[in-house]
Protein backbone atom coordinates (compact mmCIF):
# COMPACT_ATOMS: atom_id res chain seq x y z
CA MET A 1 -60.04 -26.51 5.54
CA PRO A 2 -60.16 -22.94 6.75
CA LEU A 3 -57.39 -23.59 9.04
CA ASN A 4 -54.97 -24.75 5.86
CA ILE A 5 -56.11 -21.62 3.73
CA LEU A 6 -54.97 -19.28 6.97
CA GLU A 7 -52.03 -21.59 7.07
CA ARG A 8 -50.87 -20.63 3.78
CA HIS A 9 -51.39 -16.63 4.17
CA THR A 10 -49.19 -16.78 7.37
CA ASN A 11 -46.83 -14.04 7.05
CA LYS A 12 -49.15 -12.49 4.16
CA ILE A 13 -51.42 -9.33 4.64
CA VAL A 14 -55.06 -10.21 5.71
CA MET A 15 -58.43 -8.31 5.97
CA LEU A 16 -60.97 -8.91 8.55
CA THR A 17 -64.05 -7.92 9.43
CA LEU A 18 -65.59 -7.95 12.78
CA LYS A 19 -68.66 -8.11 13.92
CA ASP A 20 -68.79 -4.25 15.58
CA GLY A 21 -68.37 -3.34 11.82
CA ARG A 22 -64.68 -2.47 11.98
CA THR A 23 -62.08 -3.71 9.20
CA LEU A 24 -58.72 -4.53 10.12
CA GLU A 25 -55.97 -5.11 7.95
CA GLY A 26 -52.33 -6.64 8.86
CA LYS A 27 -50.13 -9.38 8.69
CA LEU A 28 -50.98 -12.16 9.87
CA ILE A 29 -48.42 -13.75 12.52
CA GLY A 30 -50.00 -16.68 13.80
CA PHE A 31 -53.69 -18.27 14.91
CA ASP A 32 -54.86 -21.41 16.38
CA GLU A 33 -57.81 -24.04 15.97
CA TYR A 34 -60.20 -21.45 17.38
CA MET A 35 -59.60 -18.98 14.61
CA ASN A 36 -57.87 -16.60 17.33
CA MET A 37 -55.18 -14.66 15.49
CA ILE A 38 -52.23 -12.65 15.47
CA LEU A 39 -51.49 -9.88 13.39
CA GLU A 40 -48.83 -6.92 12.90
CA ASP A 41 -48.73 -3.81 11.38
CA THR A 42 -52.66 -3.46 11.40
CA GLU A 43 -54.43 -0.46 10.21
CA GLU A 44 -58.60 -0.26 11.78
CA THR A 45 -60.88 1.23 9.45
CA ARG A 46 -64.08 2.38 11.00
CA ASP A 47 -66.68 5.14 9.58
CA GLY A 48 -63.82 6.29 6.81
CA GLN A 49 -61.21 6.70 9.38
CA VAL A 50 -58.00 4.65 9.47
CA LYS A 51 -56.26 3.96 12.83
CA ARG A 52 -52.72 2.61 13.18
CA LEU A 53 -52.81 -0.23 15.71
CA GLY A 54 -49.50 -2.07 15.46
CA THR A 55 -49.60 -5.79 16.95
CA VAL A 56 -52.94 -6.97 17.56
CA VAL A 57 -54.58 -10.19 18.91
CA LEU A 58 -57.89 -11.02 17.88
CA ARG A 59 -60.42 -13.52 19.39
CA GLY A 60 -61.41 -15.38 16.73
CA ASN A 61 -65.31 -15.26 17.84
CA ASN A 62 -65.12 -11.81 16.72
CA ILE A 63 -64.05 -12.28 12.89
CA VAL A 64 -67.11 -12.35 10.53
CA THR A 65 -64.98 -12.63 7.39
CA ILE A 66 -61.22 -12.91 6.28
CA VAL A 67 -60.04 -12.01 2.99
CA PRO A 68 -56.44 -12.63 2.19
CA LYS A 69 -54.57 -10.05 0.10
């Protein structure tokens, strides 16, 4: 079921919270069955500071929450 939700939100903006407390927001380009993800035009927010990262490849076991925008 979670993969179906991700599939519906491909090429749309998602916000992720990571285990280390960072928040990433970007366009979901792709994912696999392990919830590894590729985000484009990504921005990282940490301690109130925003940093542009561009394209990011995330390992699924580092992701705590996924929020479609």
